[in-house]
Amino acid sequence: MQLAHHGLRLALTWTGVNTFSPFTLGSTSALNNPLPVTLVNVKAYRNGSSNKIEWTNLTESDVAVYEVQRSVNGTAFVTMSSLEARSNASSREDYMAVDFQNSPVTYYRIKVKGIDGKVVYSPIVKVAGSNQLQADMVVYPNPVTGKQVTLQLNAVAGNYSLRVFGANGQLVKTETIIHPGGSYSKTIELPGQLPAGHYYMQVTGGEQVLNSKLIIQ
């Protein structure tokens, strides 16, 4: 469908419930984790000739090491690099890793190992060549069983506005996404008080309006 808005023609695209299944989640609530870990802003994207992986731990405590794991099928992961915890002061810490190996599609996750040996995994994020993507926008897992989903967005570089609406059209979340261009994957935190039901996520920018249905269980 084409919409005209202030002289621009916007491409309106819907993507339904995605069947992407490999997904391992460390809860975003420290109360539900075996470790006091609150992982947010887990993202991966193409950066020149390499892939860049970033993540944030809002409550870093009792963490021994972060292992960055990669996979070419989203199921079998191997550790590509390790970073020691920076502070363990129950505060926010931001981390970054770079993968110089090139694959048509690469999946990443963060394995957090505690000082006592306990382990928490981040959601899986994906980087793919533009010819490997089936849609401009994919949200997974869908249906959503927690309060965190991953957005896969293939687009040109720029700032994008993300909004989540309820079935009645009520706006329940807004967020600005700074897209580096190409294949980009990022975790999105949903409001904790959202009841189960049908929602939809809308991303606007670059003269496009992209939407995806979202089911929260």
Foldseek 3Di string as FASTA:
>chain_A
DWDDDPNFIADEAEDEQDPDPLKFAAALCCVPHPHSWRKFWFKWEDDPQKIKTKIKTAFQAQWAKKFKWKDPPSPDIDTDDMDGDDDNPGGMDMDMDIGNDDDQKMKIKIWTAGNVGDIGIHIIWMAHAPVPDPDQWHKPDAAAAHQKIKIKGAAAFDKKKKWKAAPVRHTQDIDIDGDNHGIMMTMDGGDRPDDFDKMKMWIDDPSYIYMYIYTYD
